[in-house]
N, C-alpha and C. Protein backbone atom coordinates (compact mmCIF):
# COMPACT_ATOMS: atom_id res chain seq x y z
N MET A 1 15.40 2.89 21.71
CA MET A 1 14.26 1.97 21.85
C MET A 1 14.69 0.64 22.49
N THR A 2 13.99 0.34 23.40
CA THR A 2 14.22 -1.06 24.05
C THR A 2 13.82 -2.14 23.22
N GLU A 3 14.13 -3.40 23.44
CA GLU A 3 13.68 -4.59 22.57
C GLU A 3 12.08 -4.71 22.87
N ALA A 4 11.65 -4.51 23.97
CA ALA A 4 10.10 -4.56 24.12
C ALA A 4 9.37 -3.62 23.40
N VAL A 5 9.99 -2.36 23.43
CA VAL A 5 9.24 -1.23 22.74
C VAL A 5 9.40 -1.45 21.24
N ASN A 6 10.55 -1.96 20.69
CA ASN A 6 10.57 -2.36 19.33
C ASN A 6 9.74 -3.46 18.84
N LEU A 7 9.62 -4.43 19.86
CA LEU A 7 8.58 -5.61 19.49
C LEU A 7 7.12 -4.96 19.34
N GLY A 8 6.80 -4.22 20.29
CA GLY A 8 5.40 -3.56 20.35
C GLY A 8 5.09 -2.79 19.17
N ALA A 9 6.21 -1.98 18.80
CA ALA A 9 5.98 -1.01 17.60
C ALA A 9 5.98 -1.91 16.21
N ILE A 10 6.61 -2.94 16.19
CA ILE A 10 6.67 -3.81 15.04
C ILE A 10 5.20 -4.39 14.94
N GLU A 11 4.63 -4.77 15.94
CA GLU A 11 3.33 -5.31 15.94
C GLU A 11 2.38 -4.31 15.57
N GLU A 12 2.34 -3.19 15.98
CA GLU A 12 1.61 -1.96 15.63
C GLU A 12 1.64 -1.74 13.90
N ILE A 13 3.03 -1.74 13.51
CA ILE A 13 3.17 -1.47 12.09
C ILE A 13 2.56 -2.72 11.36
N ARG A 14 2.70 -3.96 11.83
CA ARG A 14 2.15 -5.09 11.15
C ARG A 14 0.74 -4.88 10.92
N LEU A 15 0.08 -4.52 12.09
CA LEU A 15 -1.54 -4.30 12.04
C LEU A 15 -1.79 -3.29 11.05
N LEU A 16 -1.00 -2.08 11.23
CA LEU A 16 -1.22 -1.10 10.21
C LEU A 16 -1.42 -1.44 8.69
N LYS A 17 -0.36 -2.47 8.40
CA LYS A 17 -0.25 -2.89 6.98
C LYS A 17 -1.34 -3.82 6.78
N ALA A 18 -1.88 -4.69 7.62
CA ALA A 18 -2.94 -5.49 7.48
C ALA A 18 -4.06 -4.79 7.14
N ARG A 19 -4.44 -3.67 7.93
CA ARG A 19 -5.52 -2.85 7.81
C ARG A 19 -5.50 -2.09 6.46
N TYR A 20 -4.38 -1.75 6.13
CA TYR A 20 -4.20 -1.07 4.75
C TYR A 20 -4.64 -1.88 3.60
N VAL A 21 -4.13 -3.30 3.57
CA VAL A 21 -4.79 -4.12 2.40
C VAL A 21 -6.16 -4.43 2.66
N ARG A 22 -6.75 -4.70 3.83
CA ARG A 22 -8.07 -4.80 4.06
C ARG A 22 -8.91 -3.63 3.49
N ALA A 23 -8.44 -2.50 3.94
CA ALA A 23 -9.29 -1.41 3.44
C ALA A 23 -9.38 -1.35 1.95
N LEU A 24 -8.32 -1.59 1.32
CA LEU A 24 -8.24 -1.72 -0.23
C LEU A 24 -9.10 -2.69 -0.80
N ASP A 25 -9.22 -3.94 -0.30
CA ASP A 25 -9.94 -4.85 -0.74
C ASP A 25 -11.40 -4.83 -0.40
N THR A 26 -11.79 -4.17 0.75
CA THR A 26 -13.25 -4.07 1.13
C THR A 26 -13.68 -2.55 0.92
N LYS A 27 -12.78 -1.77 0.06
CA LYS A 27 -13.25 -0.34 -0.24
C LYS A 27 -13.79 0.48 0.74
N ASP A 28 -13.10 0.16 2.01
CA ASP A 28 -13.29 1.19 3.10
C ASP A 28 -12.42 2.39 3.06
N TRP A 29 -12.90 3.43 2.20
CA TRP A 29 -11.90 4.55 2.07
C TRP A 29 -11.82 5.36 3.25
N PRO A 30 -12.76 5.54 4.20
CA PRO A 30 -12.43 6.22 5.48
C PRO A 30 -11.40 5.49 6.18
N LEU A 31 -11.48 4.24 6.35
CA LEU A 31 -10.32 3.51 7.08
C LEU A 31 -8.99 3.70 6.45
N LEU A 32 -8.88 3.62 5.11
CA LEU A 32 -7.72 3.80 4.41
C LEU A 32 -7.03 5.17 4.53
N ARG A 33 -7.87 6.06 4.56
CA ARG A 33 -7.48 7.49 4.97
C ARG A 33 -6.95 7.54 6.27
N SER A 34 -7.56 6.87 7.29
CA SER A 34 -7.06 7.07 8.61
C SER A 34 -5.68 6.48 8.92
N LEU A 35 -5.27 5.60 7.99
CA LEU A 35 -4.02 4.98 8.13
C LEU A 35 -2.63 5.73 7.58
N LEU A 36 -2.98 6.91 6.89
CA LEU A 36 -2.01 7.69 6.14
C LEU A 36 -1.77 9.10 6.76
N THR A 37 -0.39 9.39 6.53
CA THR A 37 -0.18 10.84 6.93
C THR A 37 -0.81 11.81 6.00
N ASP A 38 -1.00 13.12 6.25
CA ASP A 38 -1.46 13.98 5.40
C ASP A 38 -0.54 14.17 4.16
N ASP A 39 0.77 14.01 4.39
CA ASP A 39 1.71 14.32 3.17
C ASP A 39 2.26 13.01 2.71
N MET A 40 1.47 11.90 2.91
CA MET A 40 1.87 10.58 2.28
C MET A 40 2.15 10.73 0.96
N ILE A 41 2.99 9.93 0.50
CA ILE A 41 3.60 9.76 -0.96
C ILE A 41 3.34 8.41 -1.36
N ALA A 42 2.67 8.07 -2.43
CA ALA A 42 2.47 6.81 -3.03
C ALA A 42 3.07 6.80 -4.48
N ASP A 43 3.90 5.72 -4.61
CA ASP A 43 4.69 5.59 -5.80
C ASP A 43 4.57 4.12 -6.40
N PHE A 44 3.45 4.16 -7.43
CA PHE A 44 3.24 2.80 -7.96
C PHE A 44 3.81 2.90 -9.47
N ARG A 45 4.67 3.63 -9.85
CA ARG A 45 4.94 3.77 -11.22
C ARG A 45 5.73 2.65 -11.96
N GLU A 46 6.28 1.88 -11.10
CA GLU A 46 7.33 0.74 -11.56
C GLU A 46 6.55 -0.44 -11.97
N MET A 47 6.58 -0.82 -13.32
CA MET A 47 6.00 -1.92 -13.89
C MET A 47 7.09 -2.70 -14.57
N PRO A 48 7.18 -4.06 -14.45
CA PRO A 48 8.18 -4.76 -15.14
C PRO A 48 7.84 -4.62 -16.70
N GLY A 49 9.05 -4.44 -17.50
CA GLY A 49 8.92 -4.40 -19.05
C GLY A 49 8.25 -3.20 -19.57
N GLY A 50 8.06 -2.11 -18.80
CA GLY A 50 7.52 -0.89 -19.26
C GLY A 50 8.10 0.30 -18.76
N GLU A 51 7.66 1.37 -19.29
CA GLU A 51 8.09 2.56 -18.75
C GLU A 51 7.32 3.08 -17.61
N PRO A 52 7.90 3.77 -16.70
CA PRO A 52 7.09 4.33 -15.36
C PRO A 52 5.84 5.21 -15.87
N ASP A 53 4.79 4.83 -15.26
CA ASP A 53 3.74 5.74 -15.51
C ASP A 53 3.37 6.68 -14.50
N GLU A 54 3.66 8.00 -14.86
CA GLU A 54 3.70 9.01 -14.03
C GLU A 54 2.34 9.30 -13.26
N ARG A 55 1.30 8.79 -13.94
CA ARG A 55 0.07 9.00 -13.31
C ARG A 55 -0.21 8.20 -12.05
N LEU A 56 0.79 7.34 -11.72
CA LEU A 56 0.74 6.41 -10.57
C LEU A 56 1.70 6.98 -9.46
N MET A 57 2.00 8.17 -9.45
CA MET A 57 2.75 8.86 -8.37
C MET A 57 1.64 9.84 -7.83
N THR A 58 1.51 9.70 -6.41
CA THR A 58 0.36 10.62 -5.75
C THR A 58 1.08 11.14 -4.52
N ASN A 59 0.80 12.39 -4.33
CA ASN A 59 1.35 13.13 -3.27
C ASN A 59 -0.02 13.71 -2.39
N GLY A 60 0.00 13.23 -0.98
CA GLY A 60 -0.96 13.50 -0.19
C GLY A 60 -2.02 12.48 0.17
N GLY A 61 -2.31 12.28 1.46
CA GLY A 61 -3.32 11.11 1.84
C GLY A 61 -4.68 11.31 1.09
N ASP A 62 -5.26 12.37 1.07
CA ASP A 62 -6.66 12.68 0.35
C ASP A 62 -6.56 12.33 -1.13
N ALA A 63 -5.51 12.81 -1.75
CA ALA A 63 -5.31 12.51 -3.16
C ALA A 63 -5.03 11.11 -3.41
N PHE A 64 -4.35 10.43 -2.77
CA PHE A 64 -4.10 8.97 -2.78
C PHE A 64 -5.55 8.20 -2.68
N VAL A 65 -6.30 8.55 -1.59
CA VAL A 65 -7.47 7.60 -1.54
C VAL A 65 -8.41 8.05 -2.60
N ALA A 66 -8.49 9.21 -2.98
CA ALA A 66 -9.44 9.74 -4.21
C ALA A 66 -9.01 8.95 -5.31
N SER A 67 -7.66 8.79 -5.71
CA SER A 67 -7.13 8.12 -6.92
C SER A 67 -7.41 6.56 -6.76
N VAL A 68 -7.16 5.94 -5.76
CA VAL A 68 -7.44 4.51 -5.55
C VAL A 68 -8.88 4.19 -5.57
N ALA A 69 -9.67 5.10 -4.80
CA ALA A 69 -11.01 4.85 -4.90
C ALA A 69 -11.62 4.84 -6.44
N ALA A 70 -11.21 5.73 -7.10
CA ALA A 70 -11.54 5.84 -8.54
C ALA A 70 -11.25 4.69 -9.25
N GLU A 71 -9.93 4.30 -9.14
CA GLU A 71 -9.45 3.22 -9.89
C GLU A 71 -10.12 1.71 -9.50
N LEU A 72 -10.34 1.47 -8.21
CA LEU A 72 -10.77 0.38 -7.60
C LEU A 72 -12.16 0.09 -7.35
N ASP A 73 -12.98 1.24 -7.38
CA ASP A 73 -14.43 1.19 -6.95
C ASP A 73 -15.19 0.07 -7.58
N LYS A 74 -15.10 -0.16 -8.87
CA LYS A 74 -15.80 -1.23 -9.48
C LYS A 74 -14.97 -2.47 -9.87
N ALA A 75 -13.85 -2.54 -9.25
CA ALA A 75 -12.89 -3.69 -9.34
C ALA A 75 -12.99 -4.65 -8.16
N THR A 76 -12.66 -5.87 -8.30
CA THR A 76 -12.52 -6.74 -7.18
C THR A 76 -10.98 -6.91 -7.03
N THR A 77 -10.50 -6.77 -5.77
CA THR A 77 -9.08 -7.00 -5.56
C THR A 77 -8.84 -7.87 -4.26
N VAL A 78 -7.70 -8.49 -4.40
CA VAL A 78 -7.23 -9.30 -3.28
C VAL A 78 -5.80 -9.11 -3.09
N HIS A 79 -5.42 -8.52 -1.94
CA HIS A 79 -3.96 -8.23 -1.67
C HIS A 79 -3.51 -9.06 -0.61
N HIS A 80 -2.31 -9.52 -0.56
CA HIS A 80 -1.60 -10.34 0.42
C HIS A 80 -0.32 -9.77 0.64
N VAL A 81 0.14 -9.32 1.98
CA VAL A 81 1.43 -9.07 2.30
C VAL A 81 2.07 -10.06 3.33
N HIS A 82 3.34 -10.34 3.21
CA HIS A 82 4.00 -11.24 4.17
C HIS A 82 5.45 -11.01 4.20
N SER A 83 6.02 -11.85 4.90
CA SER A 83 7.54 -11.84 4.89
C SER A 83 8.12 -10.48 5.12
N PHE A 84 7.65 -9.81 6.30
CA PHE A 84 7.91 -8.39 6.40
C PHE A 84 9.43 -8.22 7.04
N GLU A 85 10.12 -7.17 6.79
CA GLU A 85 11.30 -6.65 7.30
C GLU A 85 11.08 -5.21 7.87
N ILE A 86 11.26 -4.96 9.13
CA ILE A 86 11.06 -3.59 9.67
C ILE A 86 12.28 -3.21 10.46
N ARG A 87 12.65 -1.96 10.10
CA ARG A 87 13.79 -1.36 10.85
C ARG A 87 13.30 0.04 11.32
N PHE A 88 13.97 0.42 12.41
CA PHE A 88 13.71 1.79 12.99
C PHE A 88 14.71 2.83 12.41
N THR A 89 14.34 3.93 11.99
CA THR A 89 15.27 4.85 11.62
C THR A 89 15.34 6.16 12.69
N GLY A 90 14.57 6.06 13.67
CA GLY A 90 14.47 6.99 14.63
C GLY A 90 13.24 6.64 15.69
N ALA A 91 13.04 7.35 16.70
CA ALA A 91 12.17 7.02 17.70
C ALA A 91 10.73 7.04 17.11
N ARG A 92 10.51 7.76 16.10
CA ARG A 92 9.01 7.63 15.57
C ARG A 92 9.04 7.53 14.02
N ASP A 93 10.13 6.96 13.60
CA ASP A 93 10.11 6.64 12.10
C ASP A 93 10.67 5.34 12.06
N ALA A 94 10.09 4.51 10.86
CA ALA A 94 10.55 3.17 10.61
C ALA A 94 10.32 3.00 9.07
N GLU A 95 11.09 1.89 8.60
CA GLU A 95 10.97 1.53 7.34
C GLU A 95 10.73 0.09 7.20
N GLY A 96 9.83 -0.15 6.17
CA GLY A 96 9.39 -1.68 6.14
C GLY A 96 9.41 -2.27 4.65
N VAL A 97 9.66 -3.52 4.39
CA VAL A 97 9.66 -4.18 3.08
C VAL A 97 8.72 -5.33 3.25
N TRP A 98 7.80 -5.52 2.34
CA TRP A 98 6.97 -6.56 2.54
C TRP A 98 6.67 -7.28 1.16
N ALA A 99 6.96 -8.63 1.20
CA ALA A 99 6.66 -9.20 -0.08
C ALA A 99 5.05 -9.12 -0.40
N MET A 100 4.64 -9.21 -1.51
CA MET A 100 3.26 -9.03 -1.80
C MET A 100 2.85 -9.80 -3.05
N ASP A 101 1.61 -10.08 -3.16
CA ASP A 101 0.97 -10.35 -4.32
C ASP A 101 -0.38 -9.92 -4.30
N ASP A 102 -0.91 -9.47 -5.54
CA ASP A 102 -2.28 -8.79 -5.56
C ASP A 102 -2.97 -9.33 -6.83
N HIS A 103 -4.40 -9.56 -6.79
CA HIS A 103 -5.16 -9.90 -7.79
C HIS A 103 -5.96 -8.77 -8.08
N PHE A 104 -6.26 -8.44 -9.40
CA PHE A 104 -7.17 -7.36 -9.76
C PHE A 104 -8.01 -7.88 -10.87
N TRP A 105 -9.41 -7.86 -10.67
CA TRP A 105 -10.32 -8.04 -11.70
C TRP A 105 -11.31 -6.95 -11.90
N ALA A 106 -11.13 -6.33 -13.22
CA ALA A 106 -11.79 -5.17 -13.54
C ALA A 106 -13.27 -5.43 -13.51
N GLY A 107 -13.96 -4.33 -13.15
CA GLY A 107 -15.51 -4.38 -13.11
C GLY A 107 -16.06 -3.96 -14.52
N GLU A 108 -17.37 -4.11 -14.59
CA GLU A 108 -18.02 -3.75 -15.68
C GLU A 108 -18.05 -2.39 -15.96
N GLY A 109 -18.16 -1.95 -17.31
CA GLY A 109 -18.34 -0.53 -17.70
C GLY A 109 -17.08 0.19 -18.08
N GLY A 110 -15.90 -0.40 -17.81
CA GLY A 110 -14.74 0.29 -18.08
C GLY A 110 -13.94 -0.36 -19.21
N ASP A 111 -12.84 0.27 -19.72
CA ASP A 111 -12.14 -0.17 -20.81
C ASP A 111 -11.53 -1.63 -20.49
N LEU A 112 -11.28 -1.94 -19.17
CA LEU A 112 -10.68 -3.29 -18.79
C LEU A 112 -11.71 -4.12 -18.48
N ALA A 113 -13.05 -4.00 -18.64
CA ALA A 113 -13.99 -4.88 -18.16
C ALA A 113 -13.78 -6.36 -18.47
N GLY A 114 -13.90 -7.20 -17.57
CA GLY A 114 -13.64 -8.65 -17.68
C GLY A 114 -12.18 -9.11 -17.78
N ARG A 115 -11.25 -8.14 -17.64
CA ARG A 115 -9.76 -8.33 -17.67
C ARG A 115 -9.18 -8.57 -16.22
N SER A 116 -8.12 -9.27 -15.94
CA SER A 116 -7.67 -9.43 -14.78
C SER A 116 -6.02 -9.26 -14.73
N ARG A 117 -5.57 -9.12 -13.49
CA ARG A 117 -4.24 -9.07 -13.52
C ARG A 117 -3.74 -9.67 -12.09
N HIS A 118 -2.49 -10.43 -12.15
CA HIS A 118 -2.03 -10.93 -10.88
C HIS A 118 -0.55 -10.41 -10.73
N GLY A 119 -0.26 -9.67 -9.72
CA GLY A 119 1.00 -8.98 -9.51
C GLY A 119 1.90 -9.57 -8.50
N PHE A 120 3.13 -9.60 -8.58
CA PHE A 120 4.09 -10.06 -7.38
C PHE A 120 5.11 -8.95 -7.28
N GLY A 121 5.54 -8.67 -6.01
CA GLY A 121 6.57 -7.88 -5.72
C GLY A 121 6.78 -7.52 -4.42
N HIS A 122 7.20 -6.20 -4.28
CA HIS A 122 7.37 -5.66 -2.84
C HIS A 122 6.84 -4.44 -2.56
N TYR A 123 6.38 -4.17 -1.39
CA TYR A 123 6.09 -2.87 -0.91
C TYR A 123 7.28 -2.23 -0.08
N HIS A 124 7.77 -1.06 -0.34
CA HIS A 124 8.80 -0.43 0.39
C HIS A 124 8.05 0.81 1.08
N ASP A 125 7.88 0.77 2.36
CA ASP A 125 6.98 1.71 3.17
C ASP A 125 8.07 2.50 4.13
N CYS A 126 7.55 3.78 4.31
CA CYS A 126 8.16 4.64 5.51
C CYS A 126 6.94 4.83 6.31
N TYR A 127 7.14 4.72 7.59
CA TYR A 127 6.09 4.96 8.71
C TYR A 127 6.55 5.96 9.59
N ARG A 128 5.61 6.80 10.14
CA ARG A 128 5.78 7.80 11.00
C ARG A 128 4.83 7.71 12.25
N LYS A 129 5.24 7.89 13.39
CA LYS A 129 4.43 7.73 14.68
C LYS A 129 3.89 9.16 14.92
N ALA A 130 2.71 9.29 14.87
CA ALA A 130 2.05 10.76 15.04
C ALA A 130 0.95 10.59 16.10
N SER A 131 0.76 11.52 17.17
CA SER A 131 -0.42 11.46 18.02
C SER A 131 -0.58 9.94 18.57
N GLY A 132 0.60 9.27 18.90
CA GLY A 132 0.59 7.93 19.54
C GLY A 132 0.15 6.74 18.51
N ARG A 133 0.12 6.86 17.18
CA ARG A 133 -0.37 6.10 16.20
C ARG A 133 0.87 5.98 15.03
N TRP A 134 0.99 4.74 14.65
CA TRP A 134 1.81 4.57 13.43
C TRP A 134 1.06 4.81 12.14
N LEU A 135 1.61 5.70 11.08
CA LEU A 135 0.85 5.78 10.00
C LEU A 135 1.83 5.59 8.83
N ILE A 136 1.27 5.35 7.57
CA ILE A 136 2.13 5.09 6.50
C ILE A 136 2.27 6.61 5.85
N ALA A 137 3.66 6.90 5.80
CA ALA A 137 4.21 8.15 5.31
C ALA A 137 4.55 8.11 3.74
N LYS A 138 4.98 6.94 3.41
CA LYS A 138 5.24 6.76 1.94
C LYS A 138 5.25 5.16 1.64
N THR A 139 4.75 4.92 0.49
CA THR A 139 4.69 3.64 0.01
C THR A 139 5.20 3.68 -1.34
N ARG A 140 6.03 2.49 -1.73
CA ARG A 140 6.25 2.43 -3.16
C ARG A 140 6.24 0.86 -3.48
N LEU A 141 5.64 0.69 -4.61
CA LEU A 141 5.46 -0.71 -5.04
C LEU A 141 6.37 -1.02 -6.16
N SER A 142 7.31 -2.04 -5.93
CA SER A 142 8.13 -2.47 -6.99
C SER A 142 7.57 -3.80 -7.41
N ARG A 143 7.09 -3.99 -8.53
CA ARG A 143 6.76 -5.24 -9.05
C ARG A 143 7.86 -6.13 -9.79
N ILE A 144 7.78 -7.43 -9.57
CA ILE A 144 8.65 -8.30 -10.20
C ILE A 144 8.10 -8.94 -11.38
N ARG A 145 6.73 -9.19 -11.17
CA ARG A 145 6.02 -9.86 -12.36
C ARG A 145 4.65 -9.48 -12.32
N VAL A 146 4.05 -9.32 -13.59
CA VAL A 146 2.57 -9.12 -13.63
C VAL A 146 2.16 -10.10 -14.76
N VAL A 147 1.03 -10.88 -14.40
CA VAL A 147 0.52 -11.94 -15.23
C VAL A 147 -0.91 -11.20 -15.61
N ARG A 148 -1.12 -10.99 -16.89
CA ARG A 148 -2.46 -10.39 -17.27
C ARG A 148 -3.36 -11.41 -18.04
N ASP A 149 -4.49 -11.23 -17.89
CA ASP A 149 -5.60 -12.13 -18.59
C ASP A 149 -6.20 -11.48 -19.82
């Protein structure tokens, strides 16, 4: 890839991640699904100070969106990603690391009603270019700290 092609691809991936967090926070599930490969893997098992929660490992774009929608539908969330590092591993493959912080406020009617969580950590992503678009093929969240209310 030339430097100009790399810079264009980095911008496309940056916009992809921005749309991903916006889709989460606005609960735009069709948009979220459109950003993922069919075989996407999501690994959110890692939590500081605890054992990995196997329920937070998802295989497939449809399964991931269904899981996230069920978890966040009645919650309010705010996700921020920044300080990204992107490297290309092939002509149509890339990896990225993003510093992140997220806020979660549980909605009414659940076990966590009225509770909140503020997390800090990093997203570790793999991207694949398919049909002319960059998509998220894998995402793993490694949390450094979680503050619970």
